[in-house]
Structure formats: structure tokens, C-alpha cells
N, C-alpha and C. Protein backbone atom coordinates (compact mmCIF):
# COMPACT_ATOMS: atom_id res chain seq x y z
N MET A 1 74.74 105.19 64.76
CA MET A 1 76.22 104.80 64.47
C MET A 1 76.41 103.25 64.40
N SER A 2 77.02 102.79 63.38
CA SER A 2 77.12 101.25 63.35
C SER A 2 78.06 100.75 64.41
N GLU A 3 77.94 99.41 64.57
CA GLU A 3 78.76 98.78 65.54
C GLU A 3 80.19 98.93 65.17
N ASP A 4 80.55 98.76 63.97
CA ASP A 4 81.95 98.95 63.55
C ASP A 4 82.49 100.37 63.78
N GLN A 5 81.66 101.33 63.61
CA GLN A 5 82.07 102.73 63.90
C GLN A 5 82.29 102.88 65.39
N ALA A 6 81.28 102.36 66.28
CA ALA A 6 81.35 102.41 67.67
C ALA A 6 82.71 101.90 68.19
N LEU A 7 83.03 100.73 67.60
CA LEU A 7 84.27 99.96 67.97
C LEU A 7 85.39 100.96 67.74
N GLU A 8 85.57 101.50 66.58
CA GLU A 8 86.52 102.31 66.10
C GLU A 8 86.76 103.44 67.01
N ASP A 9 85.60 104.12 67.36
CA ASP A 9 85.63 105.39 68.30
C ASP A 9 86.15 104.90 69.52
N ALA A 10 85.76 103.79 70.16
CA ALA A 10 86.23 103.33 71.45
C ALA A 10 87.79 103.07 71.35
N ARG A 11 88.16 102.52 70.39
CA ARG A 11 89.71 102.31 70.22
C ARG A 11 90.55 103.67 70.11
N GLU A 12 89.89 104.53 69.47
CA GLU A 12 90.54 105.95 69.40
C GLU A 12 90.60 106.54 70.81
N ARG A 13 89.45 106.45 71.53
CA ARG A 13 89.34 106.99 72.90
C ARG A 13 90.47 106.36 73.72
N ILE A 14 90.58 105.05 73.68
CA ILE A 14 91.47 104.27 74.45
C ILE A 14 92.99 104.81 74.19
N THR A 15 93.27 104.83 72.82
CA THR A 15 94.56 105.28 72.42
C THR A 15 94.87 106.67 72.95
N ASP A 16 93.89 107.53 72.95
CA ASP A 16 94.06 108.89 73.27
C ASP A 16 94.46 109.00 74.80
N TYR A 17 93.59 108.30 75.59
CA TYR A 17 93.92 108.45 77.09
C TYR A 17 95.20 107.67 77.46
N ARG A 18 95.61 106.75 76.72
CA ARG A 18 96.82 106.02 77.13
C ARG A 18 98.11 106.80 76.59
N ASP A 19 97.81 107.64 75.64
CA ASP A 19 98.84 108.60 75.34
C ASP A 19 99.06 109.68 76.30
N ARG A 20 97.97 110.02 76.85
CA ARG A 20 97.94 111.15 77.89
C ARG A 20 98.27 110.71 79.22
N ILE A 21 98.04 109.46 79.62
CA ILE A 21 98.14 109.01 81.02
C ILE A 21 98.66 107.45 80.92
N GLN A 22 99.99 107.38 81.39
CA GLN A 22 100.66 106.16 81.49
C GLN A 22 100.60 105.57 82.92
N HIS A 23 100.53 106.45 83.81
CA HIS A 23 100.64 105.86 85.29
C HIS A 23 99.88 106.97 86.12
N LEU A 24 99.24 106.60 87.10
CA LEU A 24 98.75 107.55 88.13
C LEU A 24 99.92 108.27 88.83
N ASP A 25 99.58 109.50 89.14
CA ASP A 25 100.63 110.34 89.88
C ASP A 25 100.67 109.79 91.38
N GLU A 26 101.67 110.35 92.01
CA GLU A 26 101.75 109.85 93.42
C GLU A 26 100.50 110.33 94.29
N ASN A 27 100.06 111.52 94.06
CA ASN A 27 98.85 111.95 94.89
C ASN A 27 97.64 111.02 94.61
N SER A 28 97.43 110.64 93.39
CA SER A 28 96.25 109.77 93.04
C SER A 28 96.55 108.40 93.74
N ILE A 29 97.62 107.83 93.68
CA ILE A 29 97.93 106.48 94.33
C ILE A 29 97.79 106.65 95.86
N ALA A 30 98.22 107.71 96.45
CA ALA A 30 98.03 107.89 97.97
C ALA A 30 96.48 108.01 98.19
N LEU A 31 95.68 108.74 97.46
CA LEU A 31 94.34 109.00 97.58
C LEU A 31 93.61 107.45 97.62
N LEU A 32 93.99 106.74 96.64
CA LEU A 32 93.23 105.47 96.43
C LEU A 32 93.79 104.24 97.27
N PHE A 33 95.18 104.20 97.47
CA PHE A 33 95.85 103.06 97.98
C PHE A 33 96.62 103.43 99.31
N SER A 34 97.82 104.03 99.05
CA SER A 34 98.90 104.05 100.20
C SER A 34 98.46 104.88 101.34
N GLU A 35 97.71 105.91 101.25
CA GLU A 35 97.34 106.61 102.42
C GLU A 35 95.85 106.48 102.71
N ALA A 36 95.14 105.59 102.05
CA ALA A 36 93.70 105.44 102.30
C ALA A 36 93.58 104.52 103.43
N ARG A 37 92.48 104.64 104.30
CA ARG A 37 92.33 103.92 105.40
C ARG A 37 90.75 103.44 105.42
N ASN A 38 90.51 102.32 106.18
CA ASN A 38 89.11 101.91 106.39
C ASN A 38 88.70 102.75 107.54
N HIS A 39 87.74 103.63 107.44
CA HIS A 39 87.33 104.60 108.60
C HIS A 39 86.21 104.03 109.44
N ASN A 40 86.32 104.45 110.71
CA ASN A 40 85.38 104.00 111.72
C ASN A 40 84.59 105.18 112.32
N TRP A 41 85.17 106.35 112.21
CA TRP A 41 84.33 107.56 112.73
C TRP A 41 84.22 108.60 111.65
N TRP A 42 83.23 109.45 111.88
CA TRP A 42 82.86 110.26 110.76
C TRP A 42 82.52 111.77 111.28
N GLN A 43 82.90 112.69 110.34
CA GLN A 43 82.64 114.01 110.62
C GLN A 43 81.09 114.21 110.27
N ASN A 44 80.56 115.24 110.93
CA ASN A 44 79.15 115.60 110.80
C ASN A 44 79.12 116.44 109.43
N LYS A 45 79.22 115.82 108.30
CA LYS A 45 79.21 116.42 106.95
C LYS A 45 78.38 115.55 106.03
N ASP A 46 77.42 116.16 105.38
CA ASP A 46 76.44 115.47 104.54
C ASP A 46 77.14 114.82 103.35
N VAL A 47 76.61 113.66 102.86
CA VAL A 47 76.95 113.15 101.50
C VAL A 47 75.73 113.28 100.61
N SER A 48 75.87 113.82 99.58
CA SER A 48 74.77 114.19 98.68
C SER A 48 74.33 113.00 97.71
N GLU A 49 73.11 113.07 97.27
CA GLU A 49 72.76 111.96 96.31
C GLU A 49 73.53 112.05 95.04
N ASP A 50 73.92 113.40 94.62
CA ASP A 50 74.82 113.70 93.50
C ASP A 50 76.14 112.88 93.62
N GLN A 51 76.62 112.86 94.83
CA GLN A 51 77.92 112.13 95.13
C GLN A 51 77.75 110.63 95.02
N LEU A 52 76.64 110.17 95.51
CA LEU A 52 76.40 108.77 95.40
C LEU A 52 76.23 108.30 93.96
N ARG A 53 75.54 109.25 93.14
CA ARG A 53 75.41 108.84 91.70
C ARG A 53 76.71 108.89 91.02
N GLU A 54 77.55 109.81 91.40
CA GLU A 54 78.94 109.84 90.87
C GLU A 54 79.72 108.64 91.19
N ILE A 55 79.64 108.08 92.35
CA ILE A 55 80.20 106.89 92.84
C ILE A 55 79.78 105.74 91.95
N TRP A 56 78.48 105.59 91.72
CA TRP A 56 77.99 104.51 90.87
C TRP A 56 78.44 104.74 89.41
N ASP A 57 78.43 105.89 88.93
CA ASP A 57 78.82 106.19 87.54
C ASP A 57 80.28 105.86 87.22
N MET A 58 81.00 105.74 88.40
CA MET A 58 82.47 105.39 88.17
C MET A 58 82.59 103.94 88.44
N MET A 59 82.06 103.42 89.50
CA MET A 59 82.22 101.96 89.79
C MET A 59 81.71 101.01 88.70
N LYS A 60 80.67 101.43 87.88
CA LYS A 60 80.03 100.63 87.05
C LYS A 60 80.94 100.11 85.85
N TYR A 61 81.97 100.87 85.73
CA TYR A 61 82.87 100.56 84.59
C TYR A 61 84.02 99.53 85.00
N GLY A 62 83.98 99.13 86.23
CA GLY A 62 84.93 98.10 86.61
C GLY A 62 84.61 96.79 85.96
N SER A 63 85.61 96.16 85.46
CA SER A 63 85.49 94.88 84.69
C SER A 63 84.98 93.71 85.58
N THR A 64 84.01 92.91 84.98
CA THR A 64 83.52 91.69 85.61
C THR A 64 83.48 90.68 84.57
N SER A 65 83.43 89.40 84.94
CA SER A 65 83.28 88.23 84.10
C SER A 65 82.12 88.36 83.23
N SER A 66 82.39 88.35 81.88
CA SER A 66 81.23 88.39 80.87
C SER A 66 80.33 89.61 81.01
N ASN A 67 80.93 90.69 81.54
CA ASN A 67 80.06 91.81 81.81
C ASN A 67 78.89 91.70 82.62
N THR A 68 78.87 90.61 83.35
CA THR A 68 77.72 90.35 84.38
C THR A 68 77.82 91.46 85.50
N GLN A 69 76.66 91.89 85.89
CA GLN A 69 76.74 93.05 86.89
C GLN A 69 75.67 92.76 87.97
N PRO A 70 76.03 91.82 88.70
CA PRO A 70 75.03 91.40 89.74
C PRO A 70 74.87 92.21 90.98
N ALA A 71 75.80 93.08 91.23
CA ALA A 71 75.80 94.02 92.36
C ALA A 71 74.58 94.90 92.34
N ARG A 72 73.91 95.02 93.53
CA ARG A 72 72.81 95.94 93.74
C ARG A 72 73.12 96.75 94.97
N LEU A 73 72.85 98.04 94.95
CA LEU A 73 73.19 98.81 96.12
C LEU A 73 71.95 99.57 96.64
N ILE A 74 71.83 99.38 98.04
CA ILE A 74 70.87 100.18 98.83
C ILE A 74 71.63 101.25 99.59
N PHE A 75 71.39 102.49 99.33
CA PHE A 75 72.06 103.50 100.07
C PHE A 75 71.19 103.98 101.18
N ILE A 76 71.67 103.51 102.48
CA ILE A 76 70.80 103.83 103.56
C ILE A 76 71.24 105.07 104.22
N ARG A 77 70.38 106.27 104.06
CA ARG A 77 70.83 107.53 104.22
C ARG A 77 69.87 108.20 105.40
N SER A 78 68.62 107.92 105.27
CA SER A 78 67.59 108.65 106.15
C SER A 78 67.75 108.08 107.63
N GLU A 79 67.26 108.90 108.60
CA GLU A 79 67.21 108.45 109.91
C GLU A 79 66.39 107.20 110.09
N LYS A 80 65.21 107.21 109.33
CA LYS A 80 64.27 106.04 109.49
C LYS A 80 64.92 104.88 108.94
N ALA A 81 65.55 104.99 107.89
CA ALA A 81 66.28 103.76 107.31
C ALA A 81 67.36 103.25 108.16
N LYS A 82 68.16 104.11 108.76
CA LYS A 82 69.22 103.77 109.70
C LYS A 82 68.67 103.09 110.96
N GLU A 83 67.57 103.40 111.34
CA GLU A 83 66.89 102.66 112.47
C GLU A 83 66.47 101.34 112.15
N ARG A 84 66.16 101.12 110.94
CA ARG A 84 65.83 99.73 110.38
C ARG A 84 67.05 98.93 110.29
N LEU A 85 68.17 99.60 109.89
CA LEU A 85 69.52 98.85 109.83
C LEU A 85 70.09 98.48 111.16
N LYS A 86 69.86 99.24 112.17
CA LYS A 86 70.45 99.11 113.47
C LYS A 86 70.34 97.63 114.08
N PRO A 87 69.12 97.12 114.06
CA PRO A 87 69.14 95.71 114.66
C PRO A 87 69.85 94.67 113.86
N CYS A 88 70.27 94.99 112.64
CA CYS A 88 71.03 94.07 111.81
C CYS A 88 72.56 94.07 112.14
N LEU A 89 73.03 95.05 112.87
CA LEU A 89 74.40 95.30 113.11
C LEU A 89 74.96 94.65 114.21
N ALA A 90 76.18 94.14 114.08
CA ALA A 90 77.00 93.63 115.24
C ALA A 90 77.16 94.77 116.31
N PRO A 91 77.22 94.54 117.60
CA PRO A 91 77.23 95.56 118.54
C PRO A 91 78.46 96.54 118.36
N SER A 92 79.55 96.02 117.90
CA SER A 92 80.70 96.93 117.77
C SER A 92 80.61 97.71 116.52
N ASN A 93 79.57 97.52 115.68
CA ASN A 93 79.42 98.34 114.51
C ASN A 93 78.33 99.33 114.48
N VAL A 94 77.56 99.47 115.72
CA VAL A 94 76.49 100.19 115.73
C VAL A 94 76.76 101.71 115.83
N ASP A 95 77.55 102.13 116.63
CA ASP A 95 77.89 103.61 116.83
C ASP A 95 78.42 104.14 115.54
N LYS A 96 79.36 103.54 114.94
CA LYS A 96 80.02 104.16 113.81
C LYS A 96 79.12 104.10 112.62
N THR A 97 78.25 103.28 112.62
CA THR A 97 77.23 103.14 111.41
C THR A 97 76.23 104.22 111.54
N MET A 98 75.73 104.48 112.81
CA MET A 98 74.71 105.42 113.06
C MET A 98 75.27 106.80 112.86
N ALA A 99 76.62 107.02 112.97
CA ALA A 99 77.14 108.29 112.75
C ALA A 99 77.45 108.55 111.34
N ALA A 100 77.65 107.55 110.53
CA ALA A 100 78.01 107.71 109.10
C ALA A 100 76.90 108.27 108.34
N PRO A 101 77.27 109.33 107.49
CA PRO A 101 76.19 109.90 106.68
C PRO A 101 75.31 108.88 105.81
N VAL A 102 76.01 107.98 105.28
CA VAL A 102 75.38 107.00 104.38
C VAL A 102 75.97 105.60 104.71
N THR A 103 75.11 104.48 104.61
CA THR A 103 75.71 103.13 104.74
C THR A 103 75.12 102.60 103.43
N ALA A 104 76.02 101.94 102.67
CA ALA A 104 75.72 101.26 101.43
C ALA A 104 75.65 99.71 101.71
N LEU A 105 74.45 99.15 101.49
CA LEU A 105 74.27 97.72 101.50
C LEU A 105 74.49 97.22 100.24
N LEU A 106 75.72 96.50 100.00
CA LEU A 106 75.98 95.88 98.69
C LEU A 106 75.30 94.45 98.71
N ALA A 107 74.51 94.28 97.79
CA ALA A 107 73.85 92.96 97.63
C ALA A 107 74.10 92.41 96.26
N TYR A 108 73.67 91.24 96.02
CA TYR A 108 73.87 90.58 94.71
C TYR A 108 72.56 89.97 94.23
N ASP A 109 72.31 90.05 92.96
CA ASP A 109 71.07 89.69 92.40
C ASP A 109 71.24 88.16 91.77
N ASN A 110 70.55 87.29 92.37
CA ASN A 110 70.72 85.86 91.83
C ASN A 110 69.96 85.69 90.53
N ASP A 111 69.31 86.68 90.09
CA ASP A 111 68.60 86.56 88.70
C ASP A 111 69.38 87.50 87.72
N PHE A 112 70.63 87.74 88.02
CA PHE A 112 71.47 88.51 87.10
C PHE A 112 71.47 88.12 85.72
N HIS A 113 71.33 86.83 85.57
CA HIS A 113 71.47 86.14 84.18
C HIS A 113 70.24 86.52 83.22
N GLU A 114 69.17 87.04 83.85
CA GLU A 114 68.02 87.54 83.00
C GLU A 114 68.50 88.72 82.10
N ASP A 115 69.45 89.33 82.35
CA ASP A 115 69.95 90.57 81.61
C ASP A 115 71.15 90.12 80.73
N PHE A 116 71.35 88.87 80.58
CA PHE A 116 72.68 88.43 79.98
C PHE A 116 72.64 88.85 78.39
N ALA A 117 71.47 88.72 77.82
CA ALA A 117 71.46 89.10 76.39
C ALA A 117 71.69 90.57 76.17
N GLN A 118 71.31 91.40 77.08
CA GLN A 118 71.66 92.89 77.03
C GLN A 118 73.11 93.09 77.43
N ASN A 119 73.54 92.47 78.38
CA ASN A 119 74.90 92.75 78.85
C ASN A 119 76.12 92.09 78.20
N TYR A 120 75.76 90.94 77.63
CA TYR A 120 76.84 90.17 76.90
C TYR A 120 76.21 89.50 75.70
N PRO A 121 75.89 90.42 74.72
CA PRO A 121 75.09 89.98 73.61
C PRO A 121 75.96 89.03 72.61
N VAL A 122 77.20 89.08 72.88
CA VAL A 122 78.01 88.15 72.00
C VAL A 122 77.82 86.57 72.22
N ARG A 123 77.42 86.27 73.60
CA ARG A 123 77.08 84.91 73.83
C ARG A 123 75.92 84.88 74.78
N PRO A 124 74.73 85.25 74.33
CA PRO A 124 73.50 85.27 75.23
C PRO A 124 73.18 84.01 75.80
N GLU A 125 73.56 82.80 75.11
CA GLU A 125 73.20 81.45 75.59
C GLU A 125 73.98 81.13 76.91
N MET A 126 74.99 81.80 77.27
CA MET A 126 75.54 81.67 78.45
C MET A 126 74.71 81.69 79.81
N ALA A 127 73.55 82.52 79.52
CA ALA A 127 72.57 82.63 80.64
C ALA A 127 71.99 81.32 81.08
N ASP A 128 71.93 80.32 80.15
CA ASP A 128 71.34 79.07 80.51
C ASP A 128 72.09 78.27 81.61
N ARG A 129 73.48 78.62 81.65
CA ARG A 129 74.21 77.92 82.67
C ARG A 129 73.84 78.30 84.12
N PHE A 130 73.40 79.58 84.25
CA PHE A 130 73.01 80.12 85.45
C PHE A 130 71.47 79.87 85.78
N ARG A 131 70.69 79.98 84.69
CA ARG A 131 69.25 79.76 84.80
C ARG A 131 69.01 78.41 85.23
N ASN A 132 69.78 77.48 84.86
CA ASN A 132 69.47 76.00 85.14
C ASN A 132 70.10 75.52 86.44
N ASP A 133 70.89 76.35 87.02
CA ASP A 133 71.78 75.85 88.21
C ASP A 133 71.74 76.98 89.29
N ALA A 134 70.76 77.07 90.20
CA ALA A 134 70.75 78.11 91.17
C ALA A 134 72.07 78.19 92.08
N ALA A 135 72.64 77.08 92.42
CA ALA A 135 73.84 77.19 93.28
C ALA A 135 75.05 77.86 92.39
N VAL A 136 75.13 77.44 91.19
CA VAL A 136 76.20 77.98 90.33
C VAL A 136 76.03 79.50 90.20
N ALA A 137 74.71 79.88 90.00
CA ALA A 137 74.29 81.25 89.74
C ALA A 137 74.67 82.03 91.13
N GLU A 138 74.29 81.54 92.28
CA GLU A 138 74.60 82.25 93.51
C GLU A 138 75.99 82.44 93.76
N LYS A 139 76.84 81.37 93.48
CA LYS A 139 78.25 81.45 93.77
C LYS A 139 78.86 82.50 92.79
N PHE A 140 78.59 82.57 91.54
CA PHE A 140 78.97 83.43 90.63
C PHE A 140 78.60 84.88 90.97
N ALA A 141 77.26 85.06 91.31
CA ALA A 141 76.80 86.41 91.69
C ALA A 141 77.56 86.97 92.86
N PHE A 142 77.83 86.15 93.87
CA PHE A 142 78.54 86.60 95.06
C PHE A 142 79.97 86.94 94.77
N GLN A 143 80.63 86.21 93.85
CA GLN A 143 82.01 86.49 93.41
C GLN A 143 82.14 87.66 92.68
N GLN A 144 81.27 87.97 91.69
CA GLN A 144 81.23 89.13 90.86
C GLN A 144 80.81 90.46 91.68
N SER A 145 79.85 90.28 92.58
CA SER A 145 79.37 91.44 93.32
C SER A 145 80.56 91.85 94.35
N THR A 146 81.23 90.94 94.84
CA THR A 146 82.42 91.10 95.67
C THR A 146 83.38 91.96 94.95
N LEU A 147 83.65 91.67 93.70
CA LEU A 147 84.61 92.39 92.82
C LEU A 147 84.13 93.74 92.69
N GLN A 148 82.73 93.85 92.29
CA GLN A 148 82.13 95.18 92.24
C GLN A 148 82.28 96.00 93.46
N GLY A 149 82.09 95.30 94.68
CA GLY A 149 82.28 95.99 95.97
C GLY A 149 83.69 96.66 96.17
N ALA A 150 84.65 95.95 95.61
CA ALA A 150 86.02 96.56 95.65
C ALA A 150 86.10 97.84 94.80
N TYR A 151 85.44 97.81 93.59
CA TYR A 151 85.34 99.00 92.76
C TYR A 151 84.55 100.16 93.42
N LEU A 152 83.59 99.72 94.24
CA LEU A 152 82.73 100.75 95.11
C LEU A 152 83.72 101.41 96.08
N ILE A 153 84.46 100.72 96.76
CA ILE A 153 85.42 101.36 97.73
C ILE A 153 86.29 102.34 97.00
N MET A 154 86.92 101.93 95.78
CA MET A 154 87.86 102.78 95.04
C MET A 154 87.23 104.07 94.58
N ALA A 155 85.93 103.83 94.13
CA ALA A 155 85.08 105.01 93.70
C ALA A 155 84.81 105.98 94.74
N ILE A 156 84.48 105.55 96.03
CA ILE A 156 84.20 106.38 97.07
C ILE A 156 85.52 107.20 97.31
N ARG A 157 86.64 106.64 97.34
CA ARG A 157 87.96 107.30 97.62
C ARG A 157 88.21 108.32 96.50
N ALA A 158 87.98 107.87 95.21
CA ALA A 158 88.17 108.73 94.06
C ALA A 158 87.45 110.08 94.14
N VAL A 159 86.33 110.05 94.69
CA VAL A 159 85.43 111.33 94.68
C VAL A 159 85.76 112.18 95.86
N GLY A 160 86.65 111.68 96.74
CA GLY A 160 87.19 112.51 97.93
C GLY A 160 86.54 112.17 99.15
N LEU A 161 85.82 111.00 99.20
CA LEU A 161 85.10 110.63 100.44
C LEU A 161 85.93 109.39 100.99
N ASP A 162 85.46 108.93 102.21
CA ASP A 162 86.18 107.84 102.88
C ASP A 162 85.20 106.73 102.97
N ALA A 163 85.58 105.40 103.04
CA ALA A 163 84.94 104.26 103.15
C ALA A 163 85.13 103.41 104.35
N GLY A 164 84.25 102.84 104.85
CA GLY A 164 84.35 101.93 106.00
C GLY A 164 83.66 100.63 105.84
N ALA A 165 84.27 99.70 105.08
CA ALA A 165 83.69 98.52 104.68
C ALA A 165 83.60 97.52 105.87
N MET A 166 82.58 96.72 105.97
CA MET A 166 82.48 95.80 107.13
C MET A 166 81.48 94.68 106.83
N GLY A 167 81.86 93.52 107.53
CA GLY A 167 81.02 92.39 107.40
C GLY A 167 80.22 91.97 108.60
N GLY A 168 80.43 92.74 109.59
CA GLY A 168 79.83 92.45 111.01
C GLY A 168 78.37 92.85 110.98
N PHE A 169 77.46 92.07 110.47
CA PHE A 169 76.06 92.26 110.47
C PHE A 169 75.23 90.98 110.11
N ASN A 170 74.02 90.85 110.61
CA ASN A 170 73.29 89.71 110.31
C ASN A 170 72.59 89.86 108.96
N ALA A 171 73.18 89.11 108.06
CA ALA A 171 72.95 89.24 106.60
C ALA A 171 71.45 88.79 106.38
N ASP A 172 71.02 87.68 107.03
CA ASP A 172 69.64 87.18 106.89
C ASP A 172 68.62 88.32 107.34
N LEU A 173 68.93 88.87 108.49
CA LEU A 173 68.00 89.99 108.96
C LEU A 173 68.01 91.18 107.94
N ALA A 174 69.24 91.57 107.38
CA ALA A 174 69.20 92.58 106.39
C ALA A 174 68.51 92.24 105.25
N ASP A 175 68.46 90.99 104.68
CA ASP A 175 67.78 90.51 103.62
C ASP A 175 66.31 90.62 103.80
N GLN A 176 65.83 90.33 105.09
CA GLN A 176 64.47 90.46 105.31
C GLN A 176 63.94 91.90 105.39
N THR A 177 64.81 92.69 105.92
CA THR A 177 64.51 94.12 106.20
C THR A 177 64.59 94.94 104.90
N PHE A 178 65.52 94.74 104.14
CA PHE A 178 65.70 95.58 102.90
C PHE A 178 65.43 94.93 101.53
N LEU A 179 65.51 93.70 101.52
CA LEU A 179 65.52 92.96 100.20
C LEU A 179 64.35 92.04 99.99
N SER A 180 63.39 92.28 100.77
CA SER A 180 62.13 91.35 100.80
C SER A 180 61.46 91.42 99.49
N GLY A 181 61.08 90.29 98.95
CA GLY A 181 60.37 90.17 97.64
C GLY A 181 61.31 90.22 96.42
N LYS A 182 62.73 90.32 96.74
CA LYS A 182 63.63 90.38 95.53
C LYS A 182 64.47 89.10 95.71
N ASN A 183 64.97 88.54 94.73
CA ASN A 183 65.95 87.40 94.75
C ASN A 183 67.48 87.89 94.90
N TRP A 184 67.51 88.86 95.84
CA TRP A 184 68.86 89.50 96.11
C TRP A 184 69.33 88.98 97.51
N LYS A 185 70.62 88.92 97.72
CA LYS A 185 71.27 88.51 99.04
C LYS A 185 72.16 89.63 99.39
N SER A 186 72.40 90.06 100.78
CA SER A 186 73.36 90.78 101.18
C SER A 186 74.72 90.26 101.06
N ASN A 187 75.74 91.11 100.75
CA ASN A 187 77.05 90.83 100.71
C ASN A 187 77.87 91.36 101.89
N PHE A 188 77.98 92.75 101.79
CA PHE A 188 78.63 93.57 102.88
C PHE A 188 78.11 94.89 102.97
N LEU A 189 78.46 95.54 104.00
CA LEU A 189 78.05 96.91 104.26
C LEU A 189 79.28 97.90 104.08
N CYS A 190 79.15 99.09 103.78
CA CYS A 190 80.25 100.12 103.57
C CYS A 190 79.71 101.46 104.07
N ASN A 191 80.14 101.90 105.01
CA ASN A 191 79.85 103.29 105.53
C ASN A 191 80.59 104.29 104.59
N ILE A 192 79.94 105.39 104.36
CA ILE A 192 80.45 106.38 103.44
C ILE A 192 80.40 107.79 104.11
N GLY A 193 81.40 108.59 103.99
CA GLY A 193 81.40 109.91 104.51
C GLY A 193 82.65 110.55 104.46
N TYR A 194 82.83 111.57 105.27
CA TYR A 194 84.19 112.28 105.45
C TYR A 194 84.72 111.72 106.79
N GLY A 195 85.82 110.94 106.80
CA GLY A 195 86.36 110.28 107.92
C GLY A 195 86.93 111.30 109.05
N ASP A 196 86.56 110.95 110.24
CA ASP A 196 87.09 111.67 111.45
C ASP A 196 88.29 111.02 111.90
N LEU A 197 89.52 111.79 111.71
CA LEU A 197 90.79 111.07 112.04
C LEU A 197 90.90 110.69 113.47
N GLU A 198 90.08 111.23 114.40
CA GLU A 198 90.10 110.65 115.76
C GLU A 198 89.87 109.15 115.90
N GLY A 199 89.15 108.63 114.79
CA GLY A 199 88.85 107.25 114.72
C GLY A 199 90.04 106.46 114.33
N ILE A 200 91.21 107.06 113.83
CA ILE A 200 92.42 106.29 113.43
C ILE A 200 93.24 106.09 114.79
N LYS A 201 93.36 104.93 115.18
CA LYS A 201 93.95 104.72 116.58
C LYS A 201 95.38 104.34 116.47
N GLY A 202 96.01 104.15 115.34
CA GLY A 202 97.28 103.68 115.27
C GLY A 202 97.86 103.70 113.90
N PRO A 203 99.23 103.46 113.73
CA PRO A 203 99.70 103.46 112.26
C PRO A 203 99.16 102.36 111.52
N ARG A 204 99.30 102.39 110.25
CA ARG A 204 98.85 101.38 109.41
C ARG A 204 99.40 99.91 109.72
N LEU A 205 98.67 99.01 109.81
CA LEU A 205 99.07 97.57 110.20
C LEU A 205 99.88 97.03 109.08
N TYR A 206 100.63 95.91 109.37
CA TYR A 206 101.48 95.23 108.50
C TYR A 206 100.95 94.92 107.14
N ARG A 207 101.59 95.09 106.09
CA ARG A 207 101.26 94.71 104.72
C ARG A 207 102.45 93.93 104.24
N TYR A 208 102.13 92.73 103.58
CA TYR A 208 103.17 91.79 102.97
C TYR A 208 103.88 92.61 101.92
N ASP A 209 105.23 92.34 102.00
CA ASP A 209 106.13 92.63 100.88
C ASP A 209 105.72 91.72 99.64
N PHE A 210 106.23 92.09 98.42
CA PHE A 210 106.02 91.30 97.25
C PHE A 210 106.58 89.85 97.27
N ASP A 211 107.85 89.83 97.83
CA ASP A 211 108.56 88.50 97.94
C ASP A 211 108.02 87.64 98.87
N GLU A 212 107.17 88.08 99.90
CA GLU A 212 106.57 87.16 100.88
C GLU A 212 105.45 86.48 100.30
N VAL A 213 104.70 87.00 99.41
CA VAL A 213 103.47 86.36 99.06
C VAL A 213 103.20 86.24 97.57
N CYS A 214 104.18 86.77 96.70
CA CYS A 214 103.98 86.68 95.33
C CYS A 214 105.12 85.89 94.72
N THR A 215 104.71 85.16 93.63
CA THR A 215 105.66 84.33 92.82
C THR A 215 105.57 84.57 91.32
N VAL A 216 106.65 84.84 90.63
CA VAL A 216 106.62 84.92 89.22
C VAL A 216 107.17 83.68 88.62
N ILE A 217 106.41 83.00 87.83
CA ILE A 217 106.93 81.60 87.26
C ILE A 217 106.78 81.69 85.81
């Protein structure tokens, strides 16, 4: 298929789904946003590799700057791997993480620019900006992987699972434990499973109204 034909096919697909779907329904909005919570306790129910693959296949379509994709995921699922993670955790995060079926370590690849020609072929020369300045590359990789991390949380919810994102861990130790030999850095952790509602200890905390924090100019 030619590039022109591929573009035309993409435009037709976008037009088709926009004709069919103009707005998420109330149930979908509740699942992803209004009734979703960051979970701390977990039911004793397995999360399969197929579900993890489905999560990735959904989150990978989230937009990033210049189609850069620096996020890297380590899905910590086995008992052995969980024991390796345990010393990295802040004390308050140990029990809930050990109980979670899966913990995702979201990292970012500081060598993401090596795939620039593949991922953004319209301007492959942009890779030089990052190749020649490690500080710029790391700042950009952290920013874009954090954006991808938000897509991760939404994808977890979209497949009917619950997420428990957290930053309370020793990132340097996690790097040594799980990322040795790679030019990757830890960003945050996210527990994945079926949330135990006993872990919800109160009503949702305050969220700002539009007029408190938003300005239209």
C-alpha cells in the first residue's frame, strides 16, 4: 500500500468513528474519570499477561511529542520479582504493593532518540538535538514518559482493572535492581489489579471547579 493510500484509509477510519461516536457515554466517563479511584488494597484475583498486553496495546496510541515513545514498562508479577522490589518501597507502600497482583515500573529510556528515524520519519534530524545534549534528552524523556504513564492509568481502567499509582520508592535502588545495564531511569510505580473497596477509607477528596483554576483568554 502506498503512503498516500494509507493516509486516505486513515482519514476514512477517523471520519467513520467520529460519525459513530461524538462523546463518551456516562458509564465510560465514570469508569475512566468520575468514579475511578487510586486503589490501595487488592482482591485476590489474578491479572493475566493477556490483560497486560491489552493495556499496552491501548496506551501506546496516546499522543506524545514528535511520536517519541520513551516509556518502558517492567511488569513485576512473580513472587521472586516482588521480593526484589520490596526493599525499594517506602514503608507505607510495602503491604499494598505486595498484595497487588502486578506492579508496573514505569521507566524512561534516555536513548529514545535512537529510534527517531523510525518513529518520526518526517524529521529524523531532530534526533541530533537529544543525541548531543544528554540533559535535554533526559528532561524530554521524563516529560513524555510521564504523559505515557497517564495513558497507562487510563488503559488499566479501560480494561476493567484498577490502578494504584505511587511515587513512594527509592528510584535509584529500583534502577540498580531492575534497569541495570540500560540507559533507563525509573519514573513511578503503578499497582494493577481488582481493587478491594475496603481500602477506600472516605469519600473522594476535593477537586477544583473550572472557575477556580481555569482561565479562558
